[in-house]
N, C-alpha and C. Protein backbone atom coordinates (compact mmCIF):
# COMPACT_ATOMS: atom_id res chain seq x y z
N MET A 1 -48.42 170.65 88.68
CA MET A 1 -48.69 171.18 87.36
C MET A 1 -47.46 171.93 86.84
N ALA A 2 -47.07 171.66 85.65
CA ALA A 2 -45.91 172.31 85.04
C ALA A 2 -46.33 173.68 84.52
N SER A 3 -45.45 174.66 84.70
CA SER A 3 -45.77 176.00 84.22
C SER A 3 -44.54 176.63 83.58
N THR A 4 -44.81 177.56 82.69
CA THR A 4 -43.77 178.31 82.03
C THR A 4 -43.90 179.75 82.48
N ALA A 5 -42.82 180.34 82.90
CA ALA A 5 -42.85 181.75 83.26
C ALA A 5 -41.46 182.34 83.10
N CYS A 6 -41.42 183.50 82.47
CA CYS A 6 -40.18 184.24 82.32
C CYS A 6 -40.48 185.66 82.78
N PHE A 7 -39.68 186.17 83.69
CA PHE A 7 -39.91 187.49 84.27
C PHE A 7 -38.74 188.41 83.91
N MET A 8 -39.08 189.66 83.56
CA MET A 8 -38.05 190.62 83.18
C MET A 8 -38.45 192.00 83.70
N ILE A 9 -37.47 192.75 84.19
CA ILE A 9 -37.67 194.15 84.55
C ILE A 9 -36.91 194.97 83.52
N VAL A 10 -37.62 195.90 82.87
CA VAL A 10 -37.03 196.72 81.81
C VAL A 10 -37.11 198.18 82.24
N SER A 11 -35.98 198.88 82.18
CA SER A 11 -35.94 200.28 82.58
C SER A 11 -36.70 201.15 81.58
N LYS A 12 -36.92 202.41 81.95
CA LYS A 12 -37.63 203.31 81.04
C LYS A 12 -36.86 203.56 79.75
N ASN A 13 -35.56 203.24 79.75
CA ASN A 13 -34.72 203.38 78.56
C ASN A 13 -34.64 202.09 77.75
N ASP A 14 -35.54 201.15 78.01
CA ASP A 14 -35.62 199.85 77.32
C ASP A 14 -34.40 198.97 77.54
N ILE A 15 -33.77 199.09 78.70
CA ILE A 15 -32.62 198.25 79.05
C ILE A 15 -33.06 197.24 80.10
N PRO A 16 -32.89 195.93 79.82
CA PRO A 16 -33.26 194.93 80.83
C PRO A 16 -32.33 195.03 82.03
N ILE A 17 -32.92 195.19 83.21
CA ILE A 17 -32.10 195.30 84.42
C ILE A 17 -32.21 194.07 85.31
N TYR A 18 -33.18 193.18 84.99
CA TYR A 18 -33.29 191.92 85.72
C TYR A 18 -34.04 190.92 84.84
N GLU A 19 -33.57 189.68 84.80
CA GLU A 19 -34.22 188.62 84.02
C GLU A 19 -34.16 187.33 84.81
N ALA A 20 -35.25 186.54 84.75
CA ALA A 20 -35.26 185.25 85.44
C ALA A 20 -36.29 184.33 84.80
N GLU A 21 -35.90 183.08 84.61
CA GLU A 21 -36.85 182.03 84.24
C GLU A 21 -37.40 181.51 85.57
N VAL A 22 -38.68 181.74 85.82
CA VAL A 22 -39.26 181.40 87.12
C VAL A 22 -40.27 180.27 87.04
N GLY A 23 -40.35 179.58 85.91
CA GLY A 23 -41.27 178.47 85.76
C GLY A 23 -40.75 177.22 86.44
N THR A 24 -41.61 176.21 86.53
CA THR A 24 -41.23 174.97 87.17
C THR A 24 -40.70 173.94 86.19
N VAL A 25 -40.82 174.20 84.90
CA VAL A 25 -40.32 173.28 83.89
C VAL A 25 -38.88 173.64 83.55
N PRO A 26 -37.93 172.69 83.60
CA PRO A 26 -36.55 173.04 83.23
C PRO A 26 -36.49 173.48 81.77
N LYS A 27 -35.77 174.55 81.53
CA LYS A 27 -35.72 175.15 80.19
C LYS A 27 -34.37 174.89 79.53
N LYS A 28 -34.42 174.70 78.23
CA LYS A 28 -33.19 174.67 77.46
C LYS A 28 -32.79 176.11 77.17
N GLU A 29 -31.53 176.33 76.86
CA GLU A 29 -31.04 177.68 76.64
C GLU A 29 -31.74 178.37 75.48
N ASP A 30 -32.04 177.64 74.40
CA ASP A 30 -32.69 178.27 73.26
C ASP A 30 -34.12 178.70 73.59
N VAL A 31 -34.79 177.98 74.47
CA VAL A 31 -36.14 178.36 74.89
C VAL A 31 -36.08 179.64 75.72
N ALA A 32 -35.06 179.77 76.56
CA ALA A 32 -34.89 180.98 77.36
C ALA A 32 -34.70 182.19 76.45
N HIS A 33 -33.93 182.03 75.37
CA HIS A 33 -33.72 183.13 74.42
C HIS A 33 -35.02 183.48 73.70
N LEU A 34 -35.82 182.47 73.39
CA LEU A 34 -37.12 182.71 72.76
C LEU A 34 -38.02 183.52 73.69
N HIS A 35 -38.02 183.19 74.97
CA HIS A 35 -38.82 183.93 75.95
C HIS A 35 -38.39 185.39 76.03
N GLN A 36 -37.08 185.62 76.04
CA GLN A 36 -36.57 186.99 76.07
C GLN A 36 -36.96 187.74 74.80
N PHE A 37 -36.91 187.06 73.68
CA PHE A 37 -37.29 187.68 72.40
C PHE A 37 -38.77 188.07 72.41
N ILE A 38 -39.63 187.20 72.92
CA ILE A 38 -41.07 187.49 72.99
C ILE A 38 -41.32 188.71 73.86
N LEU A 39 -40.65 188.78 75.01
CA LEU A 39 -40.83 189.92 75.91
C LEU A 39 -40.29 191.21 75.28
N ASP A 40 -39.16 191.12 74.59
CA ASP A 40 -38.62 192.30 73.90
C ASP A 40 -39.57 192.79 72.82
N ALA A 41 -40.16 191.85 72.09
CA ALA A 41 -41.08 192.22 71.02
C ALA A 41 -42.34 192.88 71.57
N ALA A 42 -42.73 192.54 72.79
CA ALA A 42 -43.93 193.10 73.40
C ALA A 42 -43.71 194.53 73.92
N LEU A 43 -42.47 195.00 73.96
CA LEU A 43 -42.19 196.34 74.48
C LEU A 43 -42.91 197.44 73.69
N ASP A 44 -43.01 197.29 72.38
CA ASP A 44 -43.71 198.30 71.57
C ASP A 44 -45.19 198.35 71.93
N ILE A 45 -45.78 197.20 72.15
CA ILE A 45 -47.20 197.16 72.53
C ILE A 45 -47.38 197.80 73.90
N VAL A 46 -46.47 197.51 74.81
CA VAL A 46 -46.54 198.10 76.15
C VAL A 46 -46.48 199.62 76.04
N GLN A 47 -45.58 200.12 75.22
CA GLN A 47 -45.43 201.56 75.04
C GLN A 47 -46.74 202.19 74.57
N ASP A 48 -47.41 201.56 73.60
CA ASP A 48 -48.67 202.08 73.08
C ASP A 48 -49.79 202.01 74.11
N VAL A 49 -49.90 200.88 74.80
CA VAL A 49 -51.00 200.67 75.75
C VAL A 49 -50.81 201.53 77.01
N ALA A 50 -49.58 201.68 77.47
CA ALA A 50 -49.31 202.40 78.72
C ALA A 50 -49.78 203.86 78.66
N TRP A 51 -49.74 204.47 77.49
CA TRP A 51 -50.14 205.87 77.37
C TRP A 51 -51.64 206.05 77.20
N THR A 52 -52.37 204.95 77.01
CA THR A 52 -53.82 205.05 76.81
C THR A 52 -54.62 204.71 78.06
N THR A 53 -53.95 204.31 79.14
CA THR A 53 -54.65 203.94 80.36
C THR A 53 -53.89 204.44 81.58
N SER A 54 -54.62 204.61 82.67
CA SER A 54 -53.97 205.02 83.91
C SER A 54 -53.67 203.81 84.80
N ALA A 55 -54.08 202.62 84.36
CA ALA A 55 -53.84 201.40 85.13
C ALA A 55 -52.37 201.03 85.08
N MET A 56 -51.87 200.51 86.19
CA MET A 56 -50.49 200.06 86.24
C MET A 56 -50.38 198.61 85.77
N PHE A 57 -51.40 197.81 86.02
CA PHE A 57 -51.40 196.41 85.64
C PHE A 57 -52.07 196.25 84.29
N LEU A 58 -51.29 195.85 83.30
CA LEU A 58 -51.80 195.64 81.95
C LEU A 58 -51.82 194.14 81.69
N LYS A 59 -52.99 193.55 81.78
CA LYS A 59 -53.05 192.09 81.64
C LYS A 59 -53.21 191.68 80.18
N ALA A 60 -52.57 190.60 79.83
CA ALA A 60 -52.67 189.97 78.52
C ALA A 60 -52.54 190.97 77.37
N ILE A 61 -51.42 191.67 77.31
CA ILE A 61 -51.23 192.64 76.23
C ILE A 61 -50.76 192.00 74.94
N ASP A 62 -50.19 190.78 75.04
CA ASP A 62 -49.70 190.09 73.85
C ASP A 62 -49.77 188.59 74.08
N ARG A 63 -49.83 187.84 72.99
CA ARG A 63 -49.86 186.37 73.05
C ARG A 63 -48.88 185.80 72.04
N PHE A 64 -48.29 184.66 72.42
CA PHE A 64 -47.43 183.91 71.51
C PHE A 64 -47.71 182.44 71.77
N ASP A 65 -48.23 181.75 70.76
CA ASP A 65 -48.68 180.37 70.90
C ASP A 65 -49.63 180.28 72.10
N ASP A 66 -49.28 179.49 73.11
CA ASP A 66 -50.15 179.36 74.28
C ASP A 66 -49.62 180.17 75.47
N LEU A 67 -48.74 181.13 75.22
CA LEU A 67 -48.17 181.97 76.28
C LEU A 67 -48.74 183.38 76.21
N VAL A 68 -48.83 184.03 77.35
CA VAL A 68 -49.41 185.37 77.47
C VAL A 68 -48.37 186.30 78.09
N VAL A 69 -48.33 187.55 77.64
CA VAL A 69 -47.46 188.56 78.23
C VAL A 69 -48.33 189.51 79.06
N SER A 70 -48.03 189.60 80.35
CA SER A 70 -48.68 190.56 81.23
C SER A 70 -47.62 191.55 81.72
N VAL A 71 -48.04 192.79 81.99
CA VAL A 71 -47.08 193.84 82.33
C VAL A 71 -47.63 194.68 83.47
N HIS A 72 -46.71 195.12 84.33
CA HIS A 72 -47.01 196.10 85.37
C HIS A 72 -46.07 197.27 85.11
N VAL A 73 -46.63 198.46 84.90
CA VAL A 73 -45.83 199.65 84.60
C VAL A 73 -45.76 200.52 85.86
N THR A 74 -44.56 200.85 86.28
CA THR A 74 -44.40 201.69 87.47
C THR A 74 -44.62 203.16 87.11
N ALA A 75 -44.69 204.00 88.11
CA ALA A 75 -44.87 205.43 87.89
C ALA A 75 -43.69 206.03 87.12
N GLY A 76 -42.51 205.45 87.27
CA GLY A 76 -41.32 205.92 86.55
C GLY A 76 -41.14 205.25 85.20
N HIS A 77 -42.15 204.55 84.72
CA HIS A 77 -42.18 203.86 83.42
C HIS A 77 -41.21 202.69 83.32
N THR A 78 -40.86 202.10 84.45
CA THR A 78 -40.14 200.83 84.44
C THR A 78 -41.20 199.75 84.23
N ARG A 79 -40.89 198.78 83.36
CA ARG A 79 -41.87 197.74 83.05
C ARG A 79 -41.47 196.43 83.71
N LEU A 80 -42.39 195.85 84.49
CA LEU A 80 -42.23 194.51 85.03
C LEU A 80 -43.02 193.61 84.09
N MET A 81 -42.33 192.74 83.36
CA MET A 81 -42.97 191.94 82.31
C MET A 81 -42.91 190.46 82.66
N LEU A 82 -44.02 189.77 82.43
CA LEU A 82 -44.10 188.35 82.74
C LEU A 82 -44.70 187.61 81.55
N LEU A 83 -43.96 186.63 81.07
CA LEU A 83 -44.44 185.72 80.03
C LEU A 83 -44.88 184.45 80.75
N HIS A 84 -46.14 184.06 80.59
CA HIS A 84 -46.67 182.96 81.40
C HIS A 84 -47.76 182.19 80.66
N ASP A 85 -48.11 181.04 81.21
CA ASP A 85 -49.26 180.28 80.74
C ASP A 85 -50.52 181.04 81.16
N PRO A 86 -51.60 180.92 80.38
CA PRO A 86 -52.85 181.58 80.81
C PRO A 86 -53.28 181.05 82.17
N ARG A 87 -53.59 181.94 83.06
CA ARG A 87 -53.98 181.55 84.43
C ARG A 87 -54.70 182.69 85.13
N ASN A 88 -54.88 182.53 86.40
CA ASN A 88 -55.61 183.48 87.24
C ASN A 88 -54.91 184.85 87.29
N ASP A 89 -55.63 185.90 86.88
CA ASP A 89 -55.06 187.25 86.89
C ASP A 89 -54.81 187.78 88.30
N ASP A 90 -55.56 187.32 89.29
CA ASP A 90 -55.37 187.81 90.65
C ASP A 90 -54.01 187.41 91.21
N GLY A 91 -53.56 186.19 90.93
CA GLY A 91 -52.25 185.75 91.38
C GLY A 91 -51.13 186.53 90.70
N ILE A 92 -51.31 186.79 89.41
CA ILE A 92 -50.31 187.54 88.66
C ILE A 92 -50.25 188.99 89.16
N LYS A 93 -51.41 189.57 89.42
CA LYS A 93 -51.45 190.94 89.94
C LYS A 93 -50.77 191.02 91.31
N SER A 94 -51.02 190.04 92.17
CA SER A 94 -50.37 190.01 93.49
C SER A 94 -48.86 189.84 93.35
N PHE A 95 -48.44 188.98 92.40
CA PHE A 95 -47.01 188.80 92.13
C PHE A 95 -46.37 190.13 91.74
N PHE A 96 -47.01 190.85 90.80
CA PHE A 96 -46.48 192.14 90.37
C PHE A 96 -46.42 193.14 91.51
N GLN A 97 -47.44 193.20 92.34
CA GLN A 97 -47.47 194.17 93.44
C GLN A 97 -46.33 193.92 94.42
N GLU A 98 -46.10 192.65 94.76
CA GLU A 98 -45.04 192.36 95.72
C GLU A 98 -43.65 192.54 95.12
N VAL A 99 -43.50 192.19 93.84
CA VAL A 99 -42.20 192.41 93.19
C VAL A 99 -41.94 193.90 93.03
N HIS A 100 -42.99 194.68 92.74
CA HIS A 100 -42.83 196.13 92.64
C HIS A 100 -42.35 196.71 93.97
N GLU A 101 -42.92 196.23 95.07
CA GLU A 101 -42.47 196.70 96.39
C GLU A 101 -41.01 196.32 96.63
N LEU A 102 -40.65 195.10 96.26
CA LEU A 102 -39.26 194.65 96.40
C LEU A 102 -38.33 195.47 95.52
N TYR A 103 -38.77 195.76 94.29
CA TYR A 103 -37.99 196.58 93.36
C TYR A 103 -37.77 197.99 93.94
N MET A 104 -38.82 198.57 94.51
CA MET A 104 -38.69 199.91 95.09
C MET A 104 -37.69 199.93 96.24
N LYS A 105 -37.71 198.90 97.06
CA LYS A 105 -36.74 198.82 98.16
C LYS A 105 -35.32 198.75 97.62
N THR A 106 -35.14 198.04 96.52
CA THR A 106 -33.81 197.92 95.90
C THR A 106 -33.36 199.24 95.31
N VAL A 107 -34.26 199.91 94.60
CA VAL A 107 -33.93 201.19 93.94
C VAL A 107 -33.63 202.28 94.98
N LEU A 108 -34.30 202.23 96.10
CA LEU A 108 -34.10 203.25 97.13
C LEU A 108 -32.84 203.02 97.96
N ASN A 109 -32.17 201.90 97.76
CA ASN A 109 -30.91 201.64 98.44
C ASN A 109 -29.88 202.64 97.94
N PRO A 110 -29.22 203.37 98.83
CA PRO A 110 -28.25 204.38 98.38
C PRO A 110 -27.05 203.79 97.63
N LEU A 111 -26.81 202.50 97.75
CA LEU A 111 -25.69 201.88 97.04
C LEU A 111 -26.07 201.39 95.65
N TYR A 112 -27.36 201.47 95.30
CA TYR A 112 -27.80 201.04 93.97
C TYR A 112 -27.66 202.18 92.98
N LEU A 113 -27.02 201.92 91.86
CA LEU A 113 -26.85 202.90 90.80
C LEU A 113 -28.08 202.83 89.89
N PRO A 114 -28.90 203.90 89.81
CA PRO A 114 -30.13 203.86 89.01
C PRO A 114 -29.87 203.43 87.56
N GLY A 115 -30.70 202.50 87.09
CA GLY A 115 -30.59 202.00 85.73
C GLY A 115 -29.63 200.85 85.54
N SER A 116 -28.89 200.49 86.59
CA SER A 116 -27.95 199.38 86.46
C SER A 116 -28.65 198.05 86.72
N ARG A 117 -28.00 196.96 86.31
CA ARG A 117 -28.58 195.62 86.50
C ARG A 117 -28.71 195.31 87.98
N ILE A 118 -29.77 194.60 88.31
CA ILE A 118 -29.97 194.15 89.69
C ILE A 118 -29.32 192.78 89.79
N THR A 119 -28.24 192.71 90.54
CA THR A 119 -27.47 191.48 90.66
C THR A 119 -27.55 190.87 92.05
N SER A 120 -28.36 191.43 92.91
CA SER A 120 -28.48 190.97 94.29
C SER A 120 -29.06 189.56 94.34
N SER A 121 -28.37 188.66 95.03
CA SER A 121 -28.88 187.30 95.19
C SER A 121 -30.12 187.31 96.09
N HIS A 122 -30.19 188.25 97.02
CA HIS A 122 -31.37 188.38 97.89
C HIS A 122 -32.60 188.74 97.05
N PHE A 123 -32.45 189.68 96.13
CA PHE A 123 -33.55 190.08 95.25
C PHE A 123 -33.99 188.89 94.41
N ASP A 124 -33.04 188.17 93.83
CA ASP A 124 -33.34 187.02 92.98
C ASP A 124 -34.08 185.94 93.78
N THR A 125 -33.62 185.66 94.97
CA THR A 125 -34.26 184.65 95.82
C THR A 125 -35.69 185.04 96.15
N LYS A 126 -35.90 186.32 96.48
CA LYS A 126 -37.25 186.80 96.81
C LYS A 126 -38.18 186.73 95.61
N VAL A 127 -37.69 187.12 94.43
CA VAL A 127 -38.53 187.07 93.22
C VAL A 127 -38.94 185.63 92.94
N ARG A 128 -38.00 184.71 93.04
CA ARG A 128 -38.31 183.30 92.77
C ARG A 128 -39.29 182.74 93.81
N ALA A 129 -39.16 183.17 95.05
CA ALA A 129 -40.11 182.73 96.09
C ALA A 129 -41.51 183.28 95.81
N LEU A 130 -41.59 184.53 95.36
CA LEU A 130 -42.89 185.11 95.02
C LEU A 130 -43.50 184.41 93.80
N ALA A 131 -42.67 184.01 92.86
CA ALA A 131 -43.15 183.28 91.68
C ALA A 131 -43.73 181.93 92.11
N ARG A 132 -43.04 181.24 93.00
CA ARG A 132 -43.58 179.96 93.48
C ARG A 132 -44.90 180.16 94.23
N LYS A 133 -45.00 181.25 94.95
CA LYS A 133 -46.20 181.51 95.76
C LYS A 133 -47.41 181.86 94.88
N TYR A 134 -47.22 182.69 93.86
CA TYR A 134 -48.34 183.22 93.11
C TYR A 134 -48.54 182.63 91.72
N LEU A 135 -47.52 182.08 91.11
CA LEU A 135 -47.65 181.63 89.71
C LEU A 135 -47.84 180.12 89.61
């Protein structure tokens, strides 16, 4: 089954620190930019919803055509955002939980500069493996 998924980690200062197209359908460059634009546009909605709930997993906060934006907000207000086809929320929640754990391990590394882009190939490989497993 072909799927569309774009994953982004956005810092509390609204700066993207990690981006990846994790779907199984090959994407053209303009489609990748559209996905980033949709996720950027959803940041305002995330900001409004995050302050009204204590839940970290915010499912289906925005829609664009047949795509859905789901978000996991960390305690430090970093947003893990996923643009995806409508599907099982349990798999998406598990994906967010494991990526959050991976993100925390990266942030706690003494060589990582807080707020900087995550450029680790190990991190990228793990995120893509988790996407294949859960999405």
